[in-house]
Structure formats: structure tokens, C-alpha cells
Amino acid sequence: MRRTLWVVNADDLPIIQSAASNRVAANEYRRLVADLQKAGLAADGEQWLATACSAVLDHLGRHGPHSSTELRSALPEISGTYDPAPGKPWGGTVPVAPRVLTVLSARGDIVRGPNDGSWTRSKPRWVPTADWLRRRSAPVDGIAELVRRWLRTFGPASAADIKWWFGTTLTTARNALSDIGAVEVDLGSGPGYALPDDLEIEPEVGPWAALLPGLDVTTMGWFDRDWYLGAHRGHVFDRNGNAGPTAWWNGRVVGGWYQDHEPRVQLQLLEDPGRDGRRALMRCAAELTSWLDGVCIKPRFPSPLSKSGSAAAT
């Protein structure tokens, strides 16, 4: 979803590769070939990219995990720079090597292996998928299976939700729903779908509170979000649709959270959840402060609410 980096079980990799990553890889391949030729780095972009990919895979196979910087230094085949937006303020000279690695990783040829940074920093060393996972699974047709798993977690949901989440067409979403035998149900706001063995009314659950990080799959899970966001969309999401840290009470977003200079977790309530809600969320904040044990987590894509918290902490 939205080219976000996900952590998945190794056994599920073939399903995700088929359902999503192959499409991303094909798009990235076409874009890179076109940019190589446009920038004058190669007369034949496809041949240049084939040679570059082979060089990376061969080097990793013979020498073990390498960072992007190390691969650029070791391999002239992936050297070179280009300007993604000539004449634009956001343009400038950038190396082409990271985009080669993007194509290889989206294809499933390489994965992030050892991390040179702490657990709060991403400094991966790339490795061949077969070496890191000790196997290379056979390809499968995974879109229907992945939609079934998604619907088990997020359903009932609309076809528009599925189309948005998988970045696919509405026709593909509807075909997958048909393949898994999804049943049409009434969402109140329009038609939706549920699995045929998931049609019973859910039992009532007790009051619950949660503090979720930015880009959490629960906050990001649906295209239509009014039923759990209310009027808080502009506070919780940035202009590009990235969700910041959120505070939840009984299935609805009631605010967010940030860390002060201690760093302690502080609540940012956008509405009053009542005495029980406030107490429960304060307990969550204390538990999260203890669990983080002094580590400060800064949202990668801060929402307006996150930015106001960061400003208050300085």
C-alpha cells in the first residue's frame, strides 16, 4: 500500500510479491529505463539496467551484505547521476544506484539484511533474497489470497477500500472479491464486502484505549475514514495522506501523542473521551514511556498535530 515498507512473514513473501511487488517492480523498471535515456546515461536503458542488476547480484553473492554506498563505490556499472526534475526547486543531481536497488528489491531479488544503525535508524545492508531466507519460493498468484487475508482483518469494507489499499484497479478488486466468494453487505454508507464465514454480528467489547505510531495499519487501513476519524482528518494526516501518531478510545481517533524533552509520552486530545477514556489513555502513555526507555521516536511524516507537539517539546 502506497509503497510503504512492510515487515512480513517469510512464508508470505510469494503472495505479496505476486499481489503487489511485481507491479511496483514493473513500474519502477519502466520509469528508470526512461530516465536513464532521458539523462543521457545510456542509449539503451534496458541493456544498462540489465548489466547493472547483474553486477549487483554477482557482487552480493560473492562478497556478502553491502550497503548502498559500498555498492556504489565497488561497482562502476551502477555509477552515474541524473536530475529528476531539471530546472525545478526540488531537482538536483542525485545518484542512480538507489533506484537500481529499488528495482531489484521490488522484484524480490534482494532484501534488507543486517542493519548498521540502531533499531530507530534504517541503514540496511543488502543481501540476495535466497541467501537471507535460505530459499527462494516459487511464484504464486497471490492477489485473491492477499485480499482474503486483508478482508479478514479489515472487513467488512468497500471495493474502493481494497482498490486503494492495493493500488490496483476497481476491476481487479472486484475480481478478487469474486474469487474468494466475498458476500455483499450493507455498510450504512453504501455496499461493502465480508467473507462468507464472517457474517455474524460481532460481540460487544469492553472499553479500550491505544496509542498507535505514525503510519500504523489501523489508522491507514481504509479509504473512507470518517467513521473513526470524525472531524480530525486534517489534524491526524498530512497533506500527502500520511498518518501521524494517534490516540484511540473505543474504536475512534480522539487525538494524538508526542514525546517531550524528557522524553515522556504526552497526550494531544482533540476531543474529551470522558473520565474513563482519559485515565486509560494516561495509563497507555505511562506504559509507552516506560517501554521506550528514554528512546525518542520522531515521526517520519509528522502530521499537523505531531508538529505542534514537537514545537511544544522544544
Protein backbone atom coordinates (compact mmCIF):
# COMPACT_ATOMS: atom_id res chain seq x y z
CA MET A 1 0.00 0.00 0.00
CA ARG A 2 1.37 3.41 -1.07
CA ARG A 3 4.89 2.00 -1.49
CA THR A 4 5.19 1.81 2.30
CA LEU A 5 7.85 -0.61 3.58
CA TRP A 6 6.25 -3.56 5.36
CA VAL A 7 7.65 -6.34 7.51
CA VAL A 8 6.04 -9.67 6.62
CA ASN A 9 6.49 -13.35 7.41
CA ALA A 10 8.97 -15.01 5.06
CA ASP A 11 6.40 -17.65 4.13
CA ASP A 12 4.04 -14.90 2.92
CA LEU A 13 6.59 -13.28 0.64
CA PRO A 14 5.49 -15.12 -2.55
CA ILE A 15 1.89 -13.95 -2.03
CA ILE A 16 2.89 -10.32 -1.55
CA GLN A 17 5.39 -10.49 -4.38
CA SER A 18 2.71 -11.62 -6.78
CA ALA A 19 -0.09 -9.40 -5.49
CA ALA A 20 1.80 -6.12 -5.17
CA SER A 21 5.56 -6.06 -5.59
CA ASN A 22 5.71 -7.35 -9.17
CA ARG A 23 3.51 -4.45 -10.26
CA VAL A 24 5.70 -1.96 -8.40
CA ALA A 25 8.83 -3.52 -9.91
CA ALA A 26 7.46 -3.23 -13.44
CA ASN A 27 6.56 0.44 -12.93
CA GLU A 28 9.94 1.27 -11.40
CA TYR A 29 11.73 -0.58 -14.21
CA ARG A 30 9.93 1.40 -16.93
CA ARG A 31 10.48 4.73 -15.17
CA LEU A 32 14.17 4.09 -14.60
CA VAL A 33 14.80 2.98 -18.19
CA ALA A 34 13.13 6.16 -19.45
CA ASP A 35 15.08 8.38 -17.04
CA LEU A 36 18.39 6.75 -17.94
CA GLN A 37 17.86 7.51 -21.60
CA LYS A 38 16.48 10.99 -20.93
CA ALA A 39 19.52 11.87 -18.79
CA GLY A 40 21.92 10.56 -21.42
CA LEU A 41 23.34 7.87 -19.13
CA ALA A 42 22.54 5.13 -21.61
CA ALA A 43 21.48 4.89 -25.23
CA ASP A 44 19.83 1.59 -24.38
CA GLY A 45 18.32 1.91 -20.91
CA GLU A 46 17.16 -1.70 -20.73
CA GLN A 47 20.64 -3.05 -21.50
CA TRP A 48 22.24 -0.66 -19.00
CA LEU A 49 19.82 -1.72 -16.28
CA ALA A 50 20.26 -5.44 -17.04
CA THR A 51 24.04 -5.07 -16.73
CA ALA A 52 23.71 -3.04 -13.52
CA CYS A 53 21.36 -5.56 -11.88
CA SER A 54 23.60 -8.48 -12.80
CA ALA A 55 26.63 -6.69 -11.37
CA VAL A 56 24.87 -6.04 -8.05
CA LEU A 57 23.63 -9.62 -7.68
CA ASP A 58 27.00 -11.07 -8.59
CA HIS A 59 28.84 -8.80 -6.14
CA LEU A 60 26.48 -9.54 -3.27
CA GLY A 61 26.66 -13.26 -3.99
CA ARG A 62 30.46 -13.25 -3.85
CA HIS A 63 31.13 -10.68 -1.12
CA GLY A 64 28.14 -10.76 1.20
CA PRO A 65 25.98 -7.92 2.58
CA HIS A 66 26.73 -4.41 1.33
CA SER A 67 25.21 -1.01 1.90
CA SER A 68 24.07 1.16 -0.98
CA THR A 69 27.13 3.40 -0.54
CA GLU A 70 29.50 0.43 -0.61
CA LEU A 71 27.90 -0.94 -3.74
CA ARG A 72 28.24 2.42 -5.49
CA SER A 73 31.94 2.53 -4.61
CA ALA A 74 32.58 -1.05 -5.71
CA LEU A 75 30.58 -1.21 -8.93
CA PRO A 76 31.14 1.17 -11.85
CA GLU A 77 28.11 -0.47 -13.51
CA ILE A 78 25.76 1.43 -11.20
CA SER A 79 27.64 4.73 -11.14
CA GLY A 80 26.22 7.89 -12.58
CA THR A 81 23.88 10.68 -11.58
CA TYR A 82 20.80 12.33 -13.03
CA ASP A 83 18.47 15.21 -12.32
CA PRO A 84 14.90 14.00 -11.63
CA ALA A 85 13.43 17.48 -12.17
CA PRO A 86 15.65 19.72 -14.28
CA GLY A 87 15.10 23.40 -13.56
CA LYS A 88 12.77 22.72 -10.62
CA PRO A 89 13.49 23.70 -6.99
CA TRP A 90 13.13 20.06 -5.95
CA GLY A 91 15.50 18.84 -8.66
CA GLY A 92 19.27 18.43 -8.44
CA THR A 93 21.96 15.86 -9.05
CA VAL A 94 21.27 12.50 -7.41
CA PRO A 95 22.90 9.07 -7.83
CA VAL A 96 21.10 6.47 -9.92
CA ALA A 97 22.32 3.49 -7.86
CA PRO A 98 19.49 3.59 -5.23
CA ARG A 99 16.92 3.23 -7.99
CA VAL A 100 18.69 0.14 -9.28
CA LEU A 101 18.40 -1.32 -5.78
CA THR A 102 14.72 -0.34 -5.71
CA VAL A 103 14.07 -2.35 -8.87
CA LEU A 104 15.97 -5.36 -7.50
CA SER A 105 14.21 -5.25 -4.14
CA ALA A 106 10.76 -4.78 -5.70
CA ARG A 107 11.44 -7.80 -7.90
CA GLY A 108 12.28 -9.83 -4.82
CA ASP A 109 15.89 -10.41 -5.89
CA ILE A 110 17.40 -8.67 -2.85
CA VAL A 111 16.18 -7.82 0.64
CA ARG A 112 17.33 -5.69 3.55
CA GLY A 113 19.64 -7.79 5.69
CA PRO A 114 21.79 -6.62 8.62
CA ASN A 115 21.17 -3.07 9.80
CA ASP A 116 24.18 -0.88 10.58
CA GLY A 117 22.12 1.62 12.57
CA SER A 118 20.26 1.32 15.84
CA TRP A 119 16.71 -0.01 15.84
CA THR A 120 15.43 3.53 15.33
CA ARG A 121 17.54 4.15 12.21
CA SER A 122 17.35 2.42 8.86
CA LYS A 123 20.86 1.73 7.47
CA PRO A 124 20.36 -1.62 5.74
CA ARG A 125 22.93 -3.82 4.09
CA TRP A 126 21.52 -5.56 1.06
CA VAL A 127 21.66 -9.32 0.56
CA PRO A 128 20.32 -11.74 -2.07
CA THR A 129 16.87 -12.95 -1.05
CA ALA A 130 17.79 -16.62 -1.45
CA ASP A 131 20.83 -16.20 0.83
CA TRP A 132 19.00 -14.31 3.57
CA LEU A 133 15.90 -16.53 3.61
CA ARG A 134 17.79 -19.73 2.69
CA ARG A 135 15.26 -20.41 -0.04
CA ARG A 136 13.50 -18.82 -2.96
CA SER A 137 9.84 -19.73 -3.05
CA ALA A 138 8.06 -20.49 -6.29
CA PRO A 139 5.86 -17.67 -7.61
CA VAL A 140 2.14 -17.82 -6.94
CA ASP A 141 -0.98 -15.91 -7.99
CA GLY A 142 -1.44 -14.04 -4.73
CA ILE A 143 -3.94 -11.21 -5.24
CA ALA A 144 -7.03 -13.23 -4.24
CA GLU A 145 -5.31 -14.74 -1.20
CA LEU A 146 -3.99 -11.38 -0.04
CA VAL A 147 -7.42 -9.77 -0.43
CA ARG A 148 -8.91 -12.63 1.60
CA ARG A 149 -6.40 -12.00 4.41
CA TRP A 150 -6.94 -8.26 4.24
CA LEU A 151 -10.71 -8.66 4.42
CA ARG A 152 -10.33 -11.00 7.40
CA THR A 153 -8.55 -8.18 9.24
CA PHE A 154 -10.17 -5.02 7.89
CA GLY A 155 -13.57 -6.21 6.68
CA PRO A 156 -16.30 -5.53 6.11
CA ALA A 157 -15.01 -2.96 3.66
CA SER A 158 -15.87 -1.45 0.31
CA ALA A 159 -14.37 -2.29 -3.06
CA ALA A 160 -12.95 1.26 -3.04
CA ASP A 161 -11.08 0.43 0.18
CA ILE A 162 -9.50 -2.61 -1.45
CA LYS A 163 -8.69 -0.75 -4.66
CA TRP A 164 -6.97 1.99 -2.68
CA TRP A 165 -5.07 -0.32 -0.34
CA PHE A 166 -3.61 -2.49 -3.09
CA GLY A 167 -3.13 0.35 -5.56
CA THR A 168 -4.93 -1.64 -8.21
CA THR A 169 -7.95 -1.13 -10.44
CA LEU A 170 -11.55 -1.45 -9.31
CA THR A 171 -11.98 -4.33 -11.77
CA THR A 172 -9.08 -6.23 -10.20
CA ALA A 173 -10.51 -5.63 -6.73
CA ARG A 174 -13.94 -6.89 -7.75
CA ASN A 175 -12.46 -9.95 -9.48
CA ALA A 176 -10.51 -10.83 -6.34
CA LEU A 177 -13.65 -10.41 -4.23
CA SER A 178 -15.48 -12.76 -6.59
CA ASP A 179 -12.64 -15.30 -6.49
CA ILE A 180 -12.80 -15.55 -2.70
CA GLY A 181 -16.59 -15.68 -2.60
CA ALA A 182 -16.98 -12.40 -0.68
CA VAL A 183 -20.54 -11.53 0.28
CA GLU A 184 -22.02 -8.07 -0.29
CA VAL A 185 -23.18 -6.39 2.92
CA ASP A 186 -24.63 -3.01 3.89
CA LEU A 187 -22.07 -0.69 5.49
CA GLY A 188 -24.63 2.01 6.20
CA SER A 189 -22.79 4.42 3.93
CA GLY A 190 -23.04 2.05 0.95
CA PRO A 191 -22.31 -1.52 -0.15
CA GLY A 192 -19.35 -3.42 1.24
CA TYR A 193 -17.96 -6.94 1.36
CA ALA A 194 -17.26 -9.54 4.01
CA LEU A 195 -16.01 -13.12 3.97
CA PRO A 196 -18.78 -15.72 3.85
CA ASP A 197 -17.71 -17.17 7.22
CA ASP A 198 -17.51 -13.74 8.86
CA LEU A 199 -21.11 -12.57 8.74
CA GLU A 200 -22.07 -12.97 12.37
CA ILE A 201 -22.63 -9.84 14.45
CA GLU A 202 -19.52 -9.14 16.48
CA PRO A 203 -19.94 -9.37 20.26
CA GLU A 204 -19.66 -6.21 22.31
CA VAL A 205 -16.17 -5.46 23.59
CA GLY A 206 -15.17 -3.61 26.71
CA PRO A 207 -13.73 -0.09 26.71
CA TRP A 208 -10.23 0.04 25.26
CA ALA A 209 -7.53 2.61 24.64
CA ALA A 210 -4.48 2.57 22.40
CA LEU A 211 -1.61 4.81 21.31
CA LEU A 212 -0.57 3.92 17.76
CA PRO A 213 2.53 5.09 15.86
CA GLY A 214 2.59 7.05 12.65
CA LEU A 215 1.57 5.10 9.52
CA ASP A 216 0.03 2.36 11.65
CA VAL A 217 -2.06 -0.02 9.52
CA THR A 218 -5.14 0.58 11.66
CA THR A 219 -5.09 4.33 11.10
CA MET A 220 -4.25 3.85 7.42
CA GLY A 221 -6.45 0.81 6.83
CA TRP A 222 -9.43 2.24 4.91
CA PHE A 223 -10.08 4.71 2.13
CA ASP A 224 -13.24 6.00 3.83
CA ARG A 225 -12.14 7.08 7.31
CA ASP A 226 -14.90 9.36 8.58
CA TRP A 227 -16.41 6.63 10.77
CA TYR A 228 -13.33 6.52 13.01
CA LEU A 229 -11.73 9.92 12.33
CA GLY A 230 -14.71 12.22 12.58
CA ALA A 231 -13.55 15.80 12.10
CA HIS A 232 -9.91 15.05 12.93
CA ARG A 233 -8.56 14.13 9.49
CA GLY A 234 -6.80 17.46 9.00
CA HIS A 235 -5.06 17.13 12.37
CA VAL A 236 -4.00 13.47 12.10
CA PHE A 237 -2.99 13.25 8.41
CA ASP A 238 -0.55 15.40 6.47
CA ARG A 239 -1.39 16.72 3.00
CA ASN A 240 0.07 13.60 1.34
CA GLY A 241 -2.14 11.22 3.31
CA ASN A 242 0.44 10.08 5.87
CA ALA A 243 -0.94 9.45 9.35
CA GLY A 244 0.89 10.67 12.42
CA PRO A 245 0.78 9.09 15.92
CA THR A 246 -2.80 8.64 17.12
CA ALA A 247 -4.70 8.16 20.36
CA TRP A 248 -7.73 5.85 20.23
CA TRP A 249 -10.66 5.34 22.56
CA ASN A 250 -13.31 2.69 21.85
CA GLY A 251 -12.59 2.39 18.13
CA ARG A 252 -12.25 6.08 17.29
CA VAL A 253 -9.35 8.50 16.96
CA VAL A 254 -9.63 11.09 19.72
CA GLY A 255 -6.21 12.74 19.34
CA GLY A 256 -2.52 12.00 19.11
CA TRP A 257 0.64 11.86 21.19
CA TYR A 258 4.22 13.09 21.19
CA GLN A 259 7.33 12.89 23.38
CA ASP A 260 8.54 15.86 25.38
CA HIS A 261 12.20 16.63 26.15
CA GLU A 262 12.38 14.01 28.97
CA PRO A 263 11.29 12.14 26.70
CA ARG A 264 7.88 11.29 28.17
CA VAL A 265 4.83 10.43 26.10
CA GLN A 266 2.29 13.26 26.22
CA LEU A 267 -1.30 13.13 25.02
CA GLN A 268 -2.82 15.55 22.49
CA LEU A 269 -6.57 15.12 22.83
CA LEU A 270 -8.77 16.62 20.14
CA GLU A 271 -11.95 15.68 21.97
CA ASP A 272 -12.80 14.67 25.51
CA PRO A 273 -13.15 10.86 25.79
CA GLY A 274 -14.57 11.18 29.28
CA ARG A 275 -13.02 10.34 32.64
CA ASP A 276 -12.52 6.63 31.88
CA GLY A 277 -11.03 7.40 28.48
CA ARG A 278 -8.63 9.98 29.87
CA ARG A 279 -7.44 7.64 32.61
CA ALA A 280 -6.99 4.74 30.20
CA LEU A 281 -5.02 6.85 27.74
CA MET A 282 -2.85 8.25 30.52
CA ARG A 283 -2.01 4.68 31.56
CA CYS A 284 -1.11 3.92 27.93
CA ALA A 285 1.16 6.97 27.86
CA ALA A 286 2.94 5.90 31.05
CA GLU A 287 3.38 2.34 29.75
CA LEU A 288 4.72 3.54 26.40
CA THR A 289 7.14 5.93 28.12
CA SER A 290 8.46 3.03 30.19
CA TRP A 291 8.69 0.70 27.20
CA LEU A 292 10.62 3.22 25.07
CA ASP A 293 13.06 3.60 27.98
CA GLY A 294 14.43 7.00 27.01
CA VAL A 295 14.45 6.45 23.23
CA CYS A 296 12.91 9.35 21.34
CA ILE A 297 10.86 8.40 18.26
CA LYS A 298 10.30 11.14 15.72
CA PRO A 299 7.50 10.59 13.16
CA ARG A 300 8.89 10.08 9.67
CA PHE A 301 5.94 12.01 8.23
CA PRO A 302 4.73 14.33 11.00
CA SER A 303 1.08 15.32 10.92
CA PRO A 304 -0.02 18.85 11.87
CA LEU A 305 -0.79 17.52 15.35
CA SER A 306 2.69 15.93 15.57
CA LYS A 307 4.32 19.17 14.53
CA SER A 308 2.52 21.12 17.22
CA GLY A 309 3.69 18.59 19.82
CA SER A 310 7.28 18.78 18.62
CA ALA A 311 7.14 22.57 18.81
CA ALA A 312 5.85 22.38 22.38
CA ALA A 313 8.65 19.98 23.35
CA THR A 314 11.43 22.35 22.24
